Amino acid sequence: MAGRAVKGVALAFTGRTREAIEILQDVRREIVAGDLLWALPSVDIPLGAAMIHLGELRLTRALAVRPA
């Protein structure tokens, strides 16, 4: 599972975003099914970034950091 997660992150960084999302979503499902919730951030953060890059996820103003 960890190896596939690393592969998914590497694919995301090399522009193979669709493949990365497929792998990371699969790994995420395994993490949740195995109740390994401590491992979620290692997959959720790159998965979210890949989804934003592909346009499948959008940030809203509520999430944006505003300058002081």
PDB file of N, CA and C in Angstrom:
ATOM      1  N   MET A   1       0.824  -1.180   0.000  1.00  0.00           N
ATOM      2  CA  MET A   1       0.000   0.000   0.000  1.00  0.00           C
ATOM      3  C   MET A   1       0.877   1.256   0.000  1.00  0.00           C
ATOM      4  N   ALA A   2       1.906   1.304   0.823  1.00  0.00           N
ATOM      5  CA  ALA A   2       2.767   2.486   0.906  1.00  0.00           C
ATOM      6  C   ALA A   2       3.491   2.725  -0.417  1.00  0.00           C
ATOM      7  N   GLY A   3       3.927   1.654  -1.039  1.00  0.00           N
ATOM      8  CA  GLY A   3       4.609   1.784  -2.324  1.00  0.00           C
ATOM      9  C   GLY A   3       3.713   2.365  -3.397  1.00  0.00           C
ATOM     10  N   ARG A   4       2.460   1.934  -3.406  1.00  0.00           N
ATOM     11  CA  ARG A   4       1.518   2.476  -4.384  1.00  0.00           C
ATOM     12  C   ARG A   4       1.203   3.938  -4.102  1.00  0.00           C
ATOM     13  N   ALA A   5       1.158   4.303  -2.829  1.00  0.00           N
ATOM     14  CA  ALA A   5       0.922   5.705  -2.468  1.00  0.00           C
ATOM     15  C   ALA A   5       2.079   6.575  -2.972  1.00  0.00           C
ATOM     16  N   VAL A   6       3.312   6.103  -2.784  1.00  0.00           N
ATOM     17  CA  VAL A   6       4.477   6.842  -3.273  1.00  0.00           C
ATOM     18  C   VAL A   6       4.426   6.947  -4.794  1.00  0.00           C
ATOM     19  N   LYS A   7       4.041   5.883  -5.459  1.00  0.00           N
ATOM     20  CA  LYS A   7       3.922   5.909  -6.917  1.00  0.00           C
ATOM     21  C   LYS A   7       2.879   6.937  -7.343  1.00  0.00           C
ATOM     22  N   GLY A   8       1.747   6.980  -6.645  1.00  0.00           N
ATOM     23  CA  GLY A   8       0.698   7.950  -6.967  1.00  0.00           C
ATOM     24  C   GLY A   8       1.187   9.380  -6.814  1.00  0.00           C
ATOM     25  N   VAL A   9       1.921   9.648  -5.748  1.00  0.00           N
ATOM     26  CA  VAL A   9       2.463  10.992  -5.529  1.00  0.00           C
ATOM     27  C   VAL A   9       3.464  11.335  -6.631  1.00  0.00           C
ATOM     28  N   ALA A  10       4.320  10.387  -6.972  1.00  0.00           N
ATOM     29  CA  ALA A  10       5.313  10.621  -8.026  1.00  0.00           C
ATOM     30  C   ALA A  10       4.631  10.901  -9.367  1.00  0.00           C
ATOM     31  N   LEU A  11       3.594  10.168  -9.675  1.00  0.00           N
ATOM     32  CA  LEU A  11       2.867  10.409 -10.922  1.00  0.00           C
ATOM     33  C   LEU A  11       2.243  11.794 -10.931  1.00  0.00           C
ATOM     34  N   ALA A  12       1.718  12.228  -9.793  1.00  0.00           N
ATOM     35  CA  ALA A  12       1.124  13.558  -9.708  1.00  0.00           C
ATOM     36  C   ALA A  12       2.173  14.633  -9.984  1.00  0.00           C
ATOM     37  N   PHE A  13       3.373  14.452  -9.440  1.00  0.00           N
ATOM     38  CA  PHE A  13       4.433  15.441  -9.634  1.00  0.00           C
ATOM     39  C   PHE A  13       5.004  15.437 -11.044  1.00  0.00           C
ATOM     40  N   THR A  14       4.805  14.353 -11.774  1.00  0.00           N
ATOM     41  CA  THR A  14       5.326  14.291 -13.143  1.00  0.00           C
ATOM     42  C   THR A  14       4.262  14.592 -14.183  1.00  0.00           C
ATOM     43  N   GLY A  15       3.086  15.037 -13.730  1.00  0.00           N
ATOM     44  CA  GLY A  15       2.051  15.450 -14.663  1.00  0.00           C
ATOM     45  C   GLY A  15       1.098  14.356 -15.097  1.00  0.00           C
ATOM     46  N   ARG A  16       1.254  13.164 -14.595  1.00  0.00           N
ATOM     47  CA  ARG A  16       0.342  12.064 -14.946  1.00  0.00           C
ATOM     48  C   ARG A  16      -0.783  12.020 -13.904  1.00  0.00           C
ATOM     49  N   THR A  17      -1.550  13.104 -13.895  1.00  0.00           N
ATOM     50  CA  THR A  17      -2.496  13.378 -12.827  1.00  0.00           C
ATOM     51  C   THR A  17      -3.627  12.369 -12.748  1.00  0.00           C
ATOM     52  N   ARG A  18      -4.209  11.995 -13.867  1.00  0.00           N
ATOM     53  CA  ARG A  18      -5.322  11.029 -13.834  1.00  0.00           C
ATOM     54  C   ARG A  18      -4.893   9.694 -13.231  1.00  0.00           C
ATOM     55  N   GLU A  19      -3.742   9.216 -13.655  1.00  0.00           N
ATOM     56  CA  GLU A  19      -3.224   7.960 -13.096  1.00  0.00           C
ATOM     57  C   GLU A  19      -2.968   8.102 -11.599  1.00  0.00           C
ATOM     58  N   ALA A  20      -2.426   9.248 -11.215  1.00  0.00           N
ATOM     59  CA  ALA A  20      -2.140   9.501  -9.799  1.00  0.00           C
ATOM     60  C   ALA A  20      -3.418   9.462  -8.976  1.00  0.00           C
ATOM     61  N   ILE A  21      -4.462  10.113  -9.473  1.00  0.00           N
ATOM     62  CA  ILE A  21      -5.728  10.159  -8.743  1.00  0.00           C
ATOM     63  C   ILE A  21      -6.311   8.763  -8.588  1.00  0.00           C
ATOM     64  N   GLU A  22      -6.272   7.969  -9.639  1.00  0.00           N
ATOM     65  CA  GLU A  22      -6.803   6.599  -9.562  1.00  0.00           C
ATOM     66  C   GLU A  22      -6.081   5.799  -8.487  1.00  0.00           C
ATOM     67  N   ILE A  23      -4.764   5.868  -8.487  1.00  0.00           N
ATOM     68  CA  ILE A  23      -3.972   5.104  -7.515  1.00  0.00           C
ATOM     69  C   ILE A  23      -4.220   5.618  -6.099  1.00  0.00           C
ATOM     70  N   LEU A  24      -4.172   6.929  -5.919  1.00  0.00           N
ATOM     71  CA  LEU A  24      -4.331   7.496  -4.581  1.00  0.00           C
ATOM     72  C   LEU A  24      -5.735   7.268  -4.022  1.00  0.00           C
ATOM     73  N   GLN A  25      -6.754   7.314  -4.878  1.00  0.00           N
ATOM     74  CA  GLN A  25      -8.105   7.015  -4.399  1.00  0.00           C
ATOM     75  C   GLN A  25      -8.227   5.560  -3.969  1.00  0.00           C
ATOM     76  N   ASP A  26      -7.591   4.674  -4.711  1.00  0.00           N
ATOM     77  CA  ASP A  26      -7.607   3.258  -4.358  1.00  0.00           C
ATOM     78  C   ASP A  26      -6.900   3.022  -3.019  1.00  0.00           C
ATOM     79  N   VAL A  27      -5.743   3.640  -2.851  1.00  0.00           N
ATOM     80  CA  VAL A  27      -5.001   3.512  -1.595  1.00  0.00           C
ATOM     81  C   VAL A  27      -5.821   4.107  -0.446  1.00  0.00           C
ATOM     82  N   ARG A  28      -6.485   5.234  -0.699  1.00  0.00           N
ATOM     83  CA  ARG A  28      -7.305   5.863   0.340  1.00  0.00           C
ATOM     84  C   ARG A  28      -8.422   4.925   0.791  1.00  0.00           C
ATOM     85  N   ARG A  29      -9.062   4.267  -0.172  1.00  0.00           N
ATOM     86  CA  ARG A  29     -10.132   3.305   0.179  1.00  0.00           C
ATOM     87  C   ARG A  29      -9.576   2.185   1.058  1.00  0.00           C
ATOM     88  N   GLU A  30      -8.393   1.689   0.742  1.00  0.00           N
ATOM     89  CA  GLU A  30      -7.772   0.638   1.552  1.00  0.00           C
ATOM     90  C   GLU A  30      -7.451   1.125   2.960  1.00  0.00           C
ATOM     91  N   ILE A  31      -6.982   2.359   3.058  1.00  0.00           N
ATOM     92  CA  ILE A  31      -6.665   2.927   4.369  1.00  0.00           C
ATOM     93  C   ILE A  31      -7.916   3.002   5.229  1.00  0.00           C
ATOM     94  N   VAL A  32      -9.002   3.503   4.655  1.00  0.00           N
ATOM     95  CA  VAL A  32     -10.253   3.632   5.407  1.00  0.00           C
ATOM     96  C   VAL A  32     -10.807   2.259   5.769  1.00  0.00           C
ATOM     97  N   ALA A  33     -10.785   1.331   4.810  1.00  0.00           N
ATOM     98  CA  ALA A  33     -11.304  -0.016   5.062  1.00  0.00           C
ATOM     99  C   ALA A  33     -10.505  -0.729   6.151  1.00  0.00           C
ATOM    100  N   GLY A  34      -9.204  -0.467   6.202  1.00  0.00           N
ATOM    101  CA  GLY A  34      -8.360  -1.105   7.202  1.00  0.00           C
ATOM    102  C   GLY A  34      -8.291  -0.343   8.515  1.00  0.00           C
ATOM    103  N   ASP A  35      -9.061   0.743   8.619  1.00  0.00           N
ATOM    104  CA  ASP A  35      -9.099   1.581   9.823  1.00  0.00           C
ATOM    105  C   ASP A  35      -7.708   2.100  10.187  1.00  0.00           C
ATOM    106  N   LEU A  36      -6.940   2.439   9.173  1.00  0.00           N
ATOM    107  CA  LEU A  36      -5.593   2.984   9.359  1.00  0.00           C
ATOM    108  C   LEU A  36      -5.637   4.503   9.190  1.00  0.00           C
ATOM    109  N   LEU A  37      -6.525   5.130   9.924  1.00  0.00           N
ATOM    110  CA  LEU A  37      -6.811   6.543   9.724  1.00  0.00           C
ATOM    111  C   LEU A  37      -5.608   7.451   9.955  1.00  0.00           C
ATOM    112  N   TRP A  38      -4.632   7.002  10.705  1.00  0.00           N
ATOM    113  CA  TRP A  38      -3.421   7.794  10.919  1.00  0.00           C
ATOM    114  C   TRP A  38      -2.677   8.039   9.609  1.00  0.00           C
ATOM    115  N   ALA A  39      -2.899   7.181   8.611  1.00  0.00           N
ATOM    116  CA  ALA A  39      -2.190   7.286   7.337  1.00  0.00           C
ATOM    117  C   ALA A  39      -2.907   8.178   6.321  1.00  0.00           C
ATOM    118  N   LEU A  40      -4.124   8.612   6.627  1.00  0.00           N
ATOM    119  CA  LEU A  40      -4.898   9.397   5.661  1.00  0.00           C
ATOM    120  C   LEU A  40      -4.204  10.678   5.183  1.00  0.00           C
ATOM    121  N   PRO A  41      -3.620  11.475   6.063  1.00  0.00           N
ATOM    122  CA  PRO A  41      -3.001  12.714   5.558  1.00  0.00           C
ATOM    123  C   PRO A  41      -1.925  12.482   4.507  1.00  0.00           C
ATOM    124  N   SER A  42      -1.228  11.357   4.592  1.00  0.00           N
ATOM    125  CA  SER A  42      -0.174  11.088   3.615  1.00  0.00           C
ATOM    126  C   SER A  42      -0.734  10.845   2.220  1.00  0.00           C
ATOM    127  N   VAL A  43      -2.021  10.531   2.131  1.00  0.00           N
ATOM    128  CA  VAL A  43      -2.657  10.308   0.841  1.00  0.00           C
ATOM    129  C   VAL A  43      -3.612  11.449   0.493  1.00  0.00           C
ATOM    130  N   ASP A  44      -4.338  11.955   1.482  1.00  0.00           N
ATOM    131  CA  ASP A  44      -5.334  12.993   1.218  1.00  0.00           C
ATOM    132  C   ASP A  44      -4.730  14.286   0.686  1.00  0.00           C
ATOM    133  N   ILE A  45      -3.594  14.684   1.215  1.00  0.00           N
ATOM    134  CA  ILE A  45      -2.997  15.950   0.785  1.00  0.00           C
ATOM    135  C   ILE A  45      -2.548  15.882  -0.676  1.00  0.00           C
ATOM    136  N   PRO A  46      -1.759  14.883  -1.081  1.00  0.00           N
ATOM    137  CA  PRO A  46      -1.402  14.824  -2.507  1.00  0.00           C
ATOM    138  C   PRO A  46      -2.596  14.523  -3.410  1.00  0.00           C
ATOM    139  N   LEU A  47      -3.576  13.759  -2.907  1.00  0.00           N
ATOM    140  CA  LEU A  47      -4.771  13.488  -3.698  1.00  0.00           C
ATOM    141  C   LEU A  47      -5.531  14.781  -3.961  1.00  0.00           C
ATOM    142  N   GLY A  48      -5.708  15.593  -2.925  1.00  0.00           N
ATOM    143  CA  GLY A  48      -6.387  16.872  -3.093  1.00  0.00           C
ATOM    144  C   GLY A  48      -5.646  17.780  -4.058  1.00  0.00           C
ATOM    145  N   ALA A  49      -4.330  17.834  -3.947  1.00  0.00           N
ATOM    146  CA  ALA A  49      -3.534  18.668  -4.855  1.00  0.00           C
ATOM    147  C   ALA A  49      -3.674  18.200  -6.298  1.00  0.00           C
ATOM    148  N   ALA A  50      -3.666  16.889  -6.516  1.00  0.00           N
ATOM    149  CA  ALA A  50      -3.824  16.345  -7.875  1.00  0.00           C
ATOM    150  C   ALA A  50      -5.216  16.653  -8.417  1.00  0.00           C
ATOM    151  N   MET A  51      -6.221  16.558  -7.561  1.00  0.00           N
ATOM    152  CA  MET A  51      -7.585  16.849  -7.999  1.00  0.00           C
ATOM    153  C   MET A  51      -7.755  18.326  -8.339  1.00  0.00           C
ATOM    154  N   ILE A  52      -7.114  19.200  -7.580  1.00  0.00           N
ATOM    155  CA  ILE A  52      -7.152  20.629  -7.894  1.00  0.00           C
ATOM    156  C   ILE A  52      -6.464  20.872  -9.228  1.00  0.00           C
ATOM    157  N   HIS A  53      -5.318  20.251  -9.431  1.00  0.00           N
ATOM    158  CA  HIS A  53      -4.570  20.412 -10.683  1.00  0.00           C
ATOM    159  C   HIS A  53      -5.395  19.978 -11.887  1.00  0.00           C
ATOM    160  N   LEU A  54      -6.153  18.926 -11.729  1.00  0.00           N
ATOM    161  CA  LEU A  54      -6.955  18.404 -12.832  1.00  0.00           C
ATOM    162  C   LEU A  54      -8.277  19.155 -12.984  1.00  0.00           C
ATOM    163  N   GLY A  55      -8.646  19.929 -11.971  1.00  0.00           N
ATOM    164  CA  GLY A  55      -9.900  20.682 -12.037  1.00  0.00           C
ATOM    165  C   GLY A  55     -11.076  19.942 -11.455  1.00  0.00           C
ATOM    166  N   GLU A  56     -10.832  18.828 -10.759  1.00  0.00           N
ATOM    167  CA  GLU A  56     -11.913  18.050 -10.159  1.00  0.00           C
ATOM    168  C   GLU A  56     -12.285  18.559  -8.776  1.00  0.00           C
ATOM    169  N   LEU A  57     -11.480  19.459  -8.235  1.00  0.00           N
ATOM    170  CA  LEU A  57     -11.722  20.005  -6.901  1.00  0.00           C
ATOM    171  C   LEU A  57     -11.347  21.470  -6.954  1.00  0.00           C
ATOM    172  N   ARG A  58     -12.190  22.297  -6.359  1.00  0.00           N
ATOM    173  CA  ARG A  58     -11.917  23.738  -6.361  1.00  0.00           C
ATOM    174  C   ARG A  58     -11.846  24.252  -4.937  1.00  0.00           C
ATOM    175  N   LEU A  59     -10.945  25.179  -4.738  1.00  0.00           N
ATOM    176  CA  LEU A  59     -10.873  25.854  -3.445  1.00  0.00           C
ATOM    177  C   LEU A  59     -11.913  26.959  -3.434  1.00  0.00           C
ATOM    178  N   THR A  60     -12.513  27.164  -2.293  1.00  0.00           N
ATOM    179  CA  THR A  60     -13.479  28.249  -2.164  1.00  0.00           C
ATOM    180  C   THR A  60     -12.850  29.395  -1.395  1.00  0.00           C
ATOM    181  N   ARG A  61     -13.500  30.516  -1.430  1.00  0.00           N
ATOM    182  CA  ARG A  61     -12.982  31.672  -0.703  1.00  0.00           C
ATOM    183  C   ARG A  61     -12.893  31.392   0.791  1.00  0.00           C
ATOM    184  N   ALA A  62     -13.784  30.583   1.297  1.00  0.00           N
ATOM    185  CA  ALA A  62     -13.775  30.284   2.721  1.00  0.00           C
ATOM    186  C   ALA A  62     -12.493  29.575   3.135  1.00  0.00           C
ATOM    187  N   LEU A  63     -11.878  28.852   2.224  1.00  0.00           N
ATOM    188  CA  LEU A  63     -10.649  28.121   2.533  1.00  0.00           C
ATOM    189  C   LEU A  63      -9.395  28.954   2.249  1.00  0.00           C
ATOM    190  N   ALA A  64      -9.547  30.019   1.518  1.00  0.00           N
ATOM    191  CA  ALA A  64      -8.385  30.822   1.135  1.00  0.00           C
ATOM    192  C   ALA A  64      -7.822  31.561   2.351  1.00  0.00           C
ATOM    193  N   VAL A  65      -6.528  31.653   2.390  1.00  0.00           N
ATOM    194  CA  VAL A  65      -5.862  32.392   3.449  1.00  0.00           C
ATOM    195  C   VAL A  65      -5.840  33.857   3.048  1.00  0.00           C
ATOM    196  N   ARG A  66      -6.324  34.694   3.924  1.00  0.00           N
ATOM    197  CA  ARG A  66      -6.358  36.122   3.625  1.00  0.00           C
ATOM    198  C   ARG A  66      -5.219  36.824   4.353  1.00  0.00           C
ATOM    199  N   PRO A  67      -4.588  37.765   3.670  1.00  0.00           N
ATOM    200  CA  PRO A  67      -3.518  38.502   4.353  1.00  0.00           C
ATOM    201  C   PRO A  67      -4.072  39.338   5.494  1.00  0.00           C
ATOM    202  N   ALA A  68      -3.268  39.524   6.510  1.00  0.00           N
ATOM    203  CA  ALA A  68      -3.706  40.280   7.696  1.00  0.00           C
ATOM    204  C   ALA A  68      -3.756  41.771   7.431  1.00  0.00           C
TER     205      ALA A  68
END
